[in-house]
PDB file of N, CA and C in Angstrom:
ATOM      1  N   MET A   1      30.859   7.175 -26.984  1.00  0.00           N
ATOM      2  CA  MET A   1      31.065   6.615 -28.297  1.00  0.00           C
ATOM      3  C   MET A   1      30.400   7.516 -29.339  1.00  0.00           C
ATOM      4  N   PRO A   2      31.008   7.588 -30.504  1.00  0.00           N
ATOM      5  CA  PRO A   2      30.432   8.422 -31.557  1.00  0.00           C
ATOM      6  C   PRO A   2      29.152   7.812 -32.128  1.00  0.00           C
ATOM      7  N   ASN A   3      28.318   8.665 -32.633  1.00  0.00           N
ATOM      8  CA  ASN A   3      27.075   8.280 -33.306  1.00  0.00           C
ATOM      9  C   ASN A   3      26.123   7.486 -32.408  1.00  0.00           C
ATOM     10  N   GLY A   4      26.272   7.600 -31.115  1.00  0.00           N
ATOM     11  CA  GLY A   4      25.337   6.962 -30.196  1.00  0.00           C
ATOM     12  C   GLY A   4      25.497   5.463 -30.080  1.00  0.00           C
ATOM     13  N   THR A   5      26.603   4.912 -30.523  1.00  0.00           N
ATOM     14  CA  THR A   5      26.792   3.468 -30.403  1.00  0.00           C
ATOM     15  C   THR A   5      27.441   3.139 -29.067  1.00  0.00           C
ATOM     16  N   CYS A   6      27.252   1.950 -28.641  1.00  0.00           N
ATOM     17  CA  CYS A   6      27.785   1.520 -27.357  1.00  0.00           C
ATOM     18  C   CYS A   6      28.374   0.132 -27.539  1.00  0.00           C
ATOM     19  N   ARG A   7      29.604  -0.052 -27.069  1.00  0.00           N
ATOM     20  CA  ARG A   7      30.257  -1.342 -27.239  1.00  0.00           C
ATOM     21  C   ARG A   7      30.060  -2.254 -26.027  1.00  0.00           C
ATOM     22  N   GLY A   8      29.871  -1.686 -24.874  1.00  0.00           N
ATOM     23  CA  GLY A   8      29.727  -2.507 -23.670  1.00  0.00           C
ATOM     24  C   GLY A   8      28.272  -2.648 -23.274  1.00  0.00           C
ATOM     25  N   ARG A   9      28.091  -3.509 -22.333  1.00  0.00           N
ATOM     26  CA  ARG A   9      26.734  -3.683 -21.827  1.00  0.00           C
ATOM     27  C   ARG A   9      26.439  -2.621 -20.781  1.00  0.00           C
ATOM     28  N   ILE A  10      25.322  -2.033 -20.931  1.00  0.00           N
ATOM     29  CA  ILE A  10      24.883  -1.070 -19.938  1.00  0.00           C
ATOM     30  C   ILE A  10      23.666  -1.670 -19.256  1.00  0.00           C
ATOM     31  N   LEU A  11      23.804  -1.848 -17.989  1.00  0.00           N
ATOM     32  CA  LEU A  11      22.698  -2.395 -17.221  1.00  0.00           C
ATOM     33  C   LEU A  11      22.163  -1.295 -16.310  1.00  0.00           C
ATOM     34  N   SER A  12      20.933  -1.092 -16.419  1.00  0.00           N
ATOM     35  CA  SER A  12      20.309  -0.150 -15.494  1.00  0.00           C
ATOM     36  C   SER A  12      19.106  -0.854 -14.901  1.00  0.00           C
ATOM     37  N   GLY A  13      18.868  -0.545 -13.691  1.00  0.00           N
ATOM     38  CA  GLY A  13      17.741  -1.195 -13.044  1.00  0.00           C
ATOM     39  C   GLY A  13      17.118  -0.286 -12.016  1.00  0.00           C
ATOM     40  N   PHE A  14      15.897  -0.521 -11.763  1.00  0.00           N
ATOM     41  CA  PHE A  14      15.200   0.219 -10.729  1.00  0.00           C
ATOM     42  C   PHE A  14      14.126  -0.699 -10.174  1.00  0.00           C
ATOM     43  N   VAL A  15      13.701  -0.377  -8.987  1.00  0.00           N
ATOM     44  CA  VAL A  15      12.701  -1.185  -8.310  1.00  0.00           C
ATOM     45  C   VAL A  15      11.486  -0.313  -8.033  1.00  0.00           C
ATOM     46  N   ILE A  16      10.358  -0.829  -8.381  1.00  0.00           N
ATOM     47  CA  ILE A  16       9.116  -0.137  -8.070  1.00  0.00           C
ATOM     48  C   ILE A  16       8.381  -0.987  -7.045  1.00  0.00           C
ATOM     49  N   ASP A  17       8.173  -0.403  -5.893  1.00  0.00           N
ATOM     50  CA  ASP A  17       7.474  -1.120  -4.838  1.00  0.00           C
ATOM     51  C   ASP A  17       5.997  -0.775  -4.916  1.00  0.00           C
ATOM     52  N   LEU A  18       5.214  -1.731  -5.320  1.00  0.00           N
ATOM     53  CA  LEU A  18       3.788  -1.515  -5.461  1.00  0.00           C
ATOM     54  C   LEU A  18       3.009  -2.038  -4.260  1.00  0.00           C
ATOM     55  N   GLY A  19       3.724  -2.351  -3.214  1.00  0.00           N
ATOM     56  CA  GLY A  19       3.083  -2.914  -2.030  1.00  0.00           C
ATOM     57  C   GLY A  19       2.024  -2.012  -1.438  1.00  0.00           C
ATOM     58  N   LYS A  20       2.338  -0.716  -1.321  1.00  0.00           N
ATOM     59  CA  LYS A  20       1.358   0.209  -0.731  1.00  0.00           C
ATOM     60  C   LYS A  20       0.111   0.312  -1.609  1.00  0.00           C
ATOM     61  N   ALA A  21       0.331   0.402  -2.908  1.00  0.00           N
ATOM     62  CA  ALA A  21      -0.810   0.517  -3.815  1.00  0.00           C
ATOM     63  C   ALA A  21      -1.676  -0.741  -3.746  1.00  0.00           C
ATOM     64  N   ARG A  22      -1.035  -1.902  -3.664  1.00  0.00           N
ATOM     65  CA  ARG A  22      -1.795  -3.144  -3.567  1.00  0.00           C
ATOM     66  C   ARG A  22      -2.602  -3.202  -2.286  1.00  0.00           C
ATOM     67  N   LYS A  23      -1.987  -2.757  -1.183  1.00  0.00           N
ATOM     68  CA  LYS A  23      -2.696  -2.769   0.095  1.00  0.00           C
ATOM     69  C   LYS A  23      -3.913  -1.856   0.041  1.00  0.00           C
ATOM     70  N   ARG A  24      -3.754  -0.673  -0.573  1.00  0.00           N
ATOM     71  CA  ARG A  24      -4.899   0.239  -0.683  1.00  0.00           C
ATOM     72  C   ARG A  24      -6.010  -0.363  -1.521  1.00  0.00           C
ATOM     73  N   LEU A  25      -5.625  -0.923  -2.664  1.00  0.00           N
ATOM     74  CA  LEU A  25      -6.629  -1.514  -3.539  1.00  0.00           C
ATOM     75  C   LEU A  25      -7.304  -2.704  -2.867  1.00  0.00           C
ATOM     76  N   ARG A  26      -6.514  -3.509  -2.182  1.00  0.00           N
ATOM     77  CA  ARG A  26      -7.078  -4.679  -1.524  1.00  0.00           C
ATOM     78  C   ARG A  26      -8.039  -4.271  -0.414  1.00  0.00           C
ATOM     79  N   ALA A  27      -7.688  -3.236   0.331  1.00  0.00           N
ATOM     80  CA  ALA A  27      -8.576  -2.761   1.386  1.00  0.00           C
ATOM     81  C   ALA A  27      -9.902  -2.301   0.792  1.00  0.00           C
ATOM     82  N   ARG A  28      -9.840  -1.611  -0.323  1.00  0.00           N
ATOM     83  CA  ARG A  28     -11.076  -1.152  -0.960  1.00  0.00           C
ATOM     84  C   ARG A  28     -11.866  -2.329  -1.519  1.00  0.00           C
ATOM     85  N   GLU A  29     -11.155  -3.336  -2.063  1.00  0.00           N
ATOM     86  CA  GLU A  29     -11.839  -4.513  -2.584  1.00  0.00           C
ATOM     87  C   GLU A  29     -12.554  -5.262  -1.474  1.00  0.00           C
ATOM     88  N   LEU A  30     -11.927  -5.318  -0.307  1.00  0.00           N
ATOM     89  CA  LEU A  30     -12.513  -6.042   0.816  1.00  0.00           C
ATOM     90  C   LEU A  30     -13.588  -5.221   1.522  1.00  0.00           C
ATOM     91  N   GLY A  31     -13.755  -3.982   1.101  1.00  0.00           N
ATOM     92  CA  GLY A  31     -14.781  -3.146   1.691  1.00  0.00           C
ATOM     93  C   GLY A  31     -14.360  -2.481   2.996  1.00  0.00           C
ATOM     94  N   GLU A  32     -13.088  -2.531   3.306  1.00  0.00           N
ATOM     95  CA  GLU A  32     -12.608  -1.892   4.521  1.00  0.00           C
ATOM     96  C   GLU A  32     -12.482  -0.394   4.277  1.00  0.00           C
ATOM     97  N   ALA A  33     -12.912   0.376   5.225  1.00  0.00           N
ATOM     98  CA  ALA A  33     -12.786   1.824   5.115  1.00  0.00           C
ATOM     99  C   ALA A  33     -11.388   2.239   5.558  1.00  0.00           C
ATOM    100  N   LEU A  34     -10.786   3.130   4.804  1.00  0.00           N
ATOM    101  CA  LEU A  34      -9.488   3.660   5.193  1.00  0.00           C
ATOM    102  C   LEU A  34      -9.728   4.807   6.167  1.00  0.00           C
ATOM    103  N   VAL A  35      -9.105   4.707   7.324  1.00  0.00           N
ATOM    104  CA  VAL A  35      -9.331   5.692   8.369  1.00  0.00           C
ATOM    105  C   VAL A  35      -8.259   6.768   8.272  1.00  0.00           C
ATOM    106  N   PRO A  36      -8.654   8.030   8.318  1.00  0.00           N
ATOM    107  CA  PRO A  36      -7.674   9.116   8.238  1.00  0.00           C
ATOM    108  C   PRO A  36      -6.742   9.110   9.444  1.00  0.00           C
ATOM    109  N   PRO A  37      -5.521   9.577   9.274  1.00  0.00           N
ATOM    110  CA  PRO A  37      -4.565   9.593  10.383  1.00  0.00           C
ATOM    111  C   PRO A  37      -5.050  10.374  11.597  1.00  0.00           C
ATOM    112  N   VAL A  38      -5.776  11.466  11.380  1.00  0.00           N
ATOM    113  CA  VAL A  38      -6.235  12.261  12.522  1.00  0.00           C
ATOM    114  C   VAL A  38      -7.247  11.470  13.350  1.00  0.00           C
ATOM    115  N   THR A  39      -8.044  10.643  12.714  1.00  0.00           N
ATOM    116  CA  THR A  39      -9.011   9.823  13.440  1.00  0.00           C
ATOM    117  C   THR A  39      -8.300   8.757  14.258  1.00  0.00           C
ATOM    118  N   ARG A  40      -7.268   8.156  13.667  1.00  0.00           N
ATOM    119  CA  ARG A  40      -6.477   7.164  14.417  1.00  0.00           C
ATOM    120  C   ARG A  40      -5.769   7.819  15.587  1.00  0.00           C
ATOM    121  N   ALA A  41      -5.239   9.024  15.377  1.00  0.00           N
ATOM    122  CA  ALA A  41      -4.539   9.731  16.443  1.00  0.00           C
ATOM    123  C   ALA A  41      -5.500  10.080  17.576  1.00  0.00           C
ATOM    124  N   LEU A  42      -6.715  10.460  17.230  1.00  0.00           N
ATOM    125  CA  LEU A  42      -7.703  10.788  18.253  1.00  0.00           C
ATOM    126  C   LEU A  42      -8.110   9.540  19.035  1.00  0.00           C
ATOM    127  N   ALA A  43      -8.213   8.420  18.366  1.00  0.00           N
ATOM    128  CA  ALA A  43      -8.525   7.163  19.059  1.00  0.00           C
ATOM    129  C   ALA A  43      -7.396   6.789  20.022  1.00  0.00           C
ATOM    130  N   LEU A  44      -6.157   7.000  19.598  1.00  0.00           N
ATOM    131  CA  LEU A  44      -5.023   6.728  20.471  1.00  0.00           C
ATOM    132  C   LEU A  44      -5.015   7.691  21.656  1.00  0.00           C
ATOM    133  N   ALA A  45      -5.389   8.936  21.430  1.00  0.00           N
ATOM    134  CA  ALA A  45      -5.484   9.915  22.523  1.00  0.00           C
ATOM    135  C   ALA A  45      -6.559   9.494  23.518  1.00  0.00           C
ATOM    136  N   ASP A  46      -7.671   8.963  23.028  1.00  0.00           N
ATOM    137  CA  ASP A  46      -8.722   8.463  23.917  1.00  0.00           C
ATOM    138  C   ASP A  46      -8.198   7.313  24.771  1.00  0.00           C
ATOM    139  N   GLU A  47      -7.434   6.441  24.130  1.00  0.00           N
ATOM    140  CA  GLU A  47      -6.848   5.302  24.847  1.00  0.00           C
ATOM    141  C   GLU A  47      -5.871   5.778  25.923  1.00  0.00           C
ATOM    142  N   PHE A  48      -5.055   6.767  25.581  1.00  0.00           N
ATOM    143  CA  PHE A  48      -4.121   7.332  26.555  1.00  0.00           C
ATOM    144  C   PHE A  48      -4.866   7.962  27.728  1.00  0.00           C
ATOM    145  N   GLN A  49      -5.903   8.729  27.420  1.00  0.00           N
ATOM    146  CA  GLN A  49      -6.657   9.405  28.469  1.00  0.00           C
ATOM    147  C   GLN A  49      -7.309   8.387  29.399  1.00  0.00           C
ATOM    148  N   ALA A  50      -7.856   7.325  28.841  1.00  0.00           N
ATOM    149  CA  ALA A  50      -8.480   6.279  29.656  1.00  0.00           C
ATOM    150  C   ALA A  50      -7.440   5.609  30.551  1.00  0.00           C
ATOM    151  N   ALA A  51      -6.247   5.368  30.001  1.00  0.00           N
ATOM    152  CA  ALA A  51      -5.189   4.742  30.792  1.00  0.00           C
ATOM    153  C   ALA A  51      -4.730   5.662  31.914  1.00  0.00           C
ATOM    154  N   LEU A  52      -4.652   6.954  31.637  1.00  0.00           N
ATOM    155  CA  LEU A  52      -4.242   7.911  32.669  1.00  0.00           C
ATOM    156  C   LEU A  52      -5.270   7.987  33.798  1.00  0.00           C
ATOM    157  N   GLU A  53      -6.548   7.901  33.453  1.00  0.00           N
ATOM    158  CA  GLU A  53      -7.591   7.992  34.458  1.00  0.00           C
ATOM    159  C   GLU A  53      -7.762   6.694  35.243  1.00  0.00           C
ATOM    160  N   ALA A  54      -7.637   5.557  34.568  1.00  0.00           N
ATOM    161  CA  ALA A  54      -7.908   4.270  35.209  1.00  0.00           C
ATOM    162  C   ALA A  54      -6.712   3.727  35.990  1.00  0.00           C
ATOM    163  N   GLU A  55      -5.524   3.914  35.460  1.00  0.00           N
ATOM    164  CA  GLU A  55      -4.325   3.346  36.068  1.00  0.00           C
ATOM    165  C   GLU A  55      -3.501   4.449  36.718  1.00  0.00           C
ATOM    166  N   SER A  56      -2.543   4.027  37.470  1.00  0.00           N
ATOM    167  CA  SER A  56      -1.639   5.009  38.060  1.00  0.00           C
ATOM    168  C   SER A  56      -0.390   5.127  37.187  1.00  0.00           C
ATOM    169  N   VAL A  57      -0.576   5.564  35.941  1.00  0.00           N
ATOM    170  CA  VAL A  57       0.537   5.755  35.008  1.00  0.00           C
ATOM    171  C   VAL A  57       0.632   7.230  34.675  1.00  0.00           C
ATOM    172  N   ASN A  58       1.799   7.628  34.239  1.00  0.00           N
ATOM    173  CA  ASN A  58       1.983   8.999  33.783  1.00  0.00           C
ATOM    174  C   ASN A  58       2.342   8.991  32.299  1.00  0.00           C
ATOM    175  N   GLN A  59       2.541  10.164  31.738  1.00  0.00           N
ATOM    176  CA  GLN A  59       2.802  10.258  30.304  1.00  0.00           C
ATOM    177  C   GLN A  59       4.112   9.576  29.914  1.00  0.00           C
ATOM    178  N   SER A  60       5.118   9.645  30.759  1.00  0.00           N
ATOM    179  CA  SER A  60       6.397   9.002  30.453  1.00  0.00           C
ATOM    180  C   SER A  60       6.244   7.489  30.356  1.00  0.00           C
ATOM    181  N   GLN A  61       5.454   6.927  31.262  1.00  0.00           N
ATOM    182  CA  GLN A  61       5.235   5.480  31.225  1.00  0.00           C
ATOM    183  C   GLN A  61       4.429   5.079  29.992  1.00  0.00           C
ATOM    184  N   LEU A  62       3.458   5.903  29.620  1.00  0.00           N
ATOM    185  CA  LEU A  62       2.707   5.626  28.389  1.00  0.00           C
ATOM    186  C   LEU A  62       3.626   5.678  27.171  1.00  0.00           C
ATOM    187  N   ALA A  63       4.521   6.651  27.162  1.00  0.00           N
ATOM    188  CA  ALA A  63       5.455   6.788  26.035  1.00  0.00           C
ATOM    189  C   ALA A  63       6.322   5.541  25.907  1.00  0.00           C
ATOM    190  N   ARG A  64       6.830   5.058  27.019  1.00  0.00           N
ATOM    191  CA  ARG A  64       7.648   3.831  26.970  1.00  0.00           C
ATOM    192  C   ARG A  64       6.818   2.633  26.532  1.00  0.00           C
ATOM    193  N   ARG A  65       5.587   2.536  27.039  1.00  0.00           N
ATOM    194  CA  ARG A  65       4.725   1.397  26.728  1.00  0.00           C
ATOM    195  C   ARG A  65       4.401   1.327  25.235  1.00  0.00           C
ATOM    196  N   TYR A  66       4.180   2.486  24.623  1.00  0.00           N
ATOM    197  CA  TYR A  66       3.779   2.530  23.212  1.00  0.00           C
ATOM    198  C   TYR A  66       4.937   2.823  22.259  1.00  0.00           C
ATOM    199  N   GLY A  67       6.135   3.001  22.784  1.00  0.00           N
ATOM    200  CA  GLY A  67       7.291   3.253  21.929  1.00  0.00           C
ATOM    201  C   GLY A  67       7.270   4.633  21.291  1.00  0.00           C
ATOM    202  N   LEU A  68       6.735   5.614  22.000  1.00  0.00           N
ATOM    203  CA  LEU A  68       6.658   6.980  21.500  1.00  0.00           C
ATOM    204  C   LEU A  68       7.484   7.891  22.397  1.00  0.00           C
ATOM    205  N   SER A  69       7.688   9.102  21.945  1.00  0.00           N
ATOM    206  CA  SER A  69       8.359  10.077  22.802  1.00  0.00           C
ATOM    207  C   SER A  69       7.323  10.694  23.746  1.00  0.00           C
ATOM    208  N   ARG A  70       7.800  11.242  24.839  1.00  0.00           N
ATOM    209  CA  ARG A  70       6.905  11.879  25.802  1.00  0.00           C
ATOM    210  C   ARG A  70       6.207  13.075  25.159  1.00  0.00           C
ATOM    211  N   GLN A  71       6.919  13.768  24.283  1.00  0.00           N
ATOM    212  CA  GLN A  71       6.336  14.916  23.596  1.00  0.00           C
ATOM    213  C   GLN A  71       5.186  14.488  22.682  1.00  0.00           C
ATOM    214  N   ARG A  72       5.342  13.351  22.014  1.00  0.00           N
ATOM    215  CA  ARG A  72       4.285  12.865  21.122  1.00  0.00           C
ATOM    216  C   ARG A  72       3.044  12.478  21.919  1.00  0.00           C
ATOM    217  N   VAL A  73       3.236  11.865  23.071  1.00  0.00           N
ATOM    218  CA  VAL A  73       2.103  11.524  23.931  1.00  0.00           C
ATOM    219  C   VAL A  73       1.369  12.807  24.326  1.00  0.00           C
ATOM    220  N   SER A  74       2.123  13.828  24.681  1.00  0.00           N
ATOM    221  CA  SER A  74       1.526  15.105  25.052  1.00  0.00           C
ATOM    222  C   SER A  74       0.765  15.717  23.871  1.00  0.00           C
ATOM    223  N   GLN A  75       1.333  15.642  22.677  1.00  0.00           N
ATOM    224  CA  GLN A  75       0.656  16.163  21.486  1.00  0.00           C
ATOM    225  C   GLN A  75      -0.655  15.429  21.244  1.00  0.00           C
ATOM    226  N   LEU A  76      -0.640  14.119  21.396  1.00  0.00           N
ATOM    227  CA  LEU A  76      -1.854  13.340  21.179  1.00  0.00           C
ATOM    228  C   LEU A  76      -2.922  13.676  22.220  1.00  0.00           C
ATOM    229  N   LEU A  77      -2.505  13.854  23.473  1.00  0.00           N
ATOM    230  CA  LEU A  77      -3.466  14.209  24.510  1.00  0.00           C
ATOM    231  C   LEU A  77      -4.054  15.596  24.272  1.00  0.00           C
ATOM    232  N   ASN A  78      -3.322  16.465  23.599  1.00  0.00           N
ATOM    233  CA  ASN A  78      -3.827  17.801  23.277  1.00  0.00           C
ATOM    234  C   ASN A  78      -4.953  17.769  22.237  1.00  0.00           C
ATOM    235  N   LEU A  79      -5.147  16.616  21.599  1.00  0.00           N
ATOM    236  CA  LEU A  79      -6.255  16.501  20.648  1.00  0.00           C
ATOM    237  C   LEU A  79      -7.609  16.551  21.355  1.00  0.00           C
ATOM    238  N   HIS A  80      -7.616  16.445  22.676  1.00  0.00           N
ATOM    239  CA  HIS A  80      -8.863  16.550  23.431  1.00  0.00           C
ATOM    240  C   HIS A  80      -9.247  17.996  23.709  1.00  0.00           C
ATOM    241  N   ARG A  81      -8.410  18.938  23.330  1.00  0.00           N
ATOM    242  CA  ARG A  81      -8.684  20.349  23.614  1.00  0.00           C
ATOM    243  C   ARG A  81      -9.771  20.965  22.746  1.00  0.00           C
ATOM    244  N   PRO A  82      -9.873  20.621  21.452  1.00  0.00           N
ATOM    245  CA  PRO A  82     -10.908  21.275  20.633  1.00  0.00           C
ATOM    246  C   PRO A  82     -12.323  20.993  21.166  1.00  0.00           C
ATOM    247  N   HIS A  83     -13.243  21.769  20.694  1.00  0.00           N
ATOM    248  CA  HIS A  83     -14.640  21.640  21.082  1.00  0.00           C
ATOM    249  C   HIS A  83     -15.128  20.210  20.800  1.00  0.00           C
ATOM    250  N   PRO A  84     -16.009  19.668  21.635  1.00  0.00           N
ATOM    251  CA  PRO A  84     -16.510  18.298  21.426  1.00  0.00           C
ATOM    252  C   PRO A  84     -17.142  18.072  20.056  1.00  0.00           C
ATOM    253  N   ARG A  85     -17.764  19.093  19.461  1.00  0.00           N
ATOM    254  CA  ARG A  85     -18.345  18.918  18.122  1.00  0.00           C
ATOM    255  C   ARG A  85     -17.254  18.672  17.082  1.00  0.00           C
ATOM    256  N   ILE A  86     -16.138  19.349  17.239  1.00  0.00           N
ATOM    257  CA  ILE A  86     -15.015  19.145  16.315  1.00  0.00           C
ATOM    258  C   ILE A  86     -14.468  17.738  16.498  1.00  0.00           C
ATOM    259  N   GLN A  87     -14.356  17.299  17.740  1.00  0.00           N
ATOM    260  CA  GLN A  87     -13.884  15.940  18.000  1.00  0.00           C
ATOM    261  C   GLN A  87     -14.838  14.905  17.403  1.00  0.00           C
ATOM    262  N   GLU A  88     -16.137  15.129  17.535  1.00  0.00           N
ATOM    263  CA  GLU A  88     -17.133  14.234  16.946  1.00  0.00           C
ATOM    264  C   GLU A  88     -16.948  14.136  15.436  1.00  0.00           C
ATOM    265  N   PHE A  89     -16.757  15.295  14.804  1.00  0.00           N
ATOM    266  CA  PHE A  89     -16.570  15.329  13.354  1.00  0.00           C
ATOM    267  C   PHE A  89     -15.334  14.521  12.956  1.00  0.00           C
ATOM    268  N   LEU A  90     -14.225  14.697  13.695  1.00  0.00           N
ATOM    269  CA  LEU A  90     -13.001  13.979  13.369  1.00  0.00           C
ATOM    270  C   LEU A  90     -13.148  12.478  13.563  1.00  0.00           C
ATOM    271  N   ARG A  91     -13.880  12.090  14.593  1.00  0.00           N
ATOM    272  CA  ARG A  91     -14.097  10.651  14.829  1.00  0.00           C
ATOM    273  C   ARG A  91     -14.957  10.019  13.734  1.00  0.00           C
ATOM    274  N   ALA A  92     -15.830  10.822  13.128  1.00  0.00           N
ATOM    275  CA  ALA A  92     -16.759  10.296  12.120  1.00  0.00           C
ATOM    276  C   ALA A  92     -16.128  10.210  10.727  1.00  0.00           C
ATOM    277  N   LEU A  93     -14.960  10.774  10.528  1.00  0.00           N
ATOM    278  CA  LEU A  93     -14.342  10.725   9.197  1.00  0.00           C
ATOM    279  C   LEU A  93     -14.045   9.284   8.802  1.00  0.00           C
ATOM    280  N   GLN A  94     -14.335   8.952   7.570  1.00  0.00           N
ATOM    281  CA  GLN A  94     -14.071   7.620   7.037  1.00  0.00           C
ATOM    282  C   GLN A  94     -13.644   7.694   5.592  1.00  0.00           C
ATOM    283  N   ASP A  95     -13.081   6.639   5.117  1.00  0.00           N
ATOM    284  CA  ASP A  95     -12.772   6.416   3.698  1.00  0.00           C
ATOM    285  C   ASP A  95     -12.069   7.611   3.043  1.00  0.00           C
ATOM    286  N   VAL A  96     -10.809   7.753   3.347  1.00  0.00           N
ATOM    287  CA  VAL A  96     -10.013   8.814   2.764  1.00  0.00           C
ATOM    288  C   VAL A  96      -9.513   8.364   1.404  1.00  0.00           C
ATOM    289  N   GLY A  97      -9.685   9.197   0.414  1.00  0.00           N
ATOM    290  CA  GLY A  97      -9.198   8.888  -0.922  1.00  0.00           C
ATOM    291  C   GLY A  97      -7.732   9.218  -1.047  1.00  0.00           C
ATOM    292  N   PRO A  98      -7.167   9.035  -2.228  1.00  0.00           N
ATOM    293  CA  PRO A  98      -5.749   9.361  -2.429  1.00  0.00           C
ATOM    294  C   PRO A  98      -5.509  10.855  -2.257  1.00  0.00           C
ATOM    295  N   ARG A  99      -4.319  11.190  -1.803  1.00  0.00           N
ATOM    296  CA  ARG A  99      -3.991  12.588  -1.589  1.00  0.00           C
ATOM    297  C   ARG A  99      -3.763  13.299  -2.898  1.00  0.00           C
TER     298      ARG A  99
END
């Protein structure tokens, strides 16, 4: 339309999902520490290693049990390769701020 006029209705809409932001803020309000992904992955690797040692399961069975691929289980178990001091440091990480 000329001169920037519009005769019809123009509806535009968008959705902003603030759920993640609310969860982060709520966790901080409640005093919960946000754990970095590498720390969670290392904890899961510890759990896998304990299951492999205690039970008669293999990596494929762990993958099915946890809904992961066999390759991902192998990647997580490889987190035990670094020096124990590095593993200690990763386990001690807490309260990650925004990226």
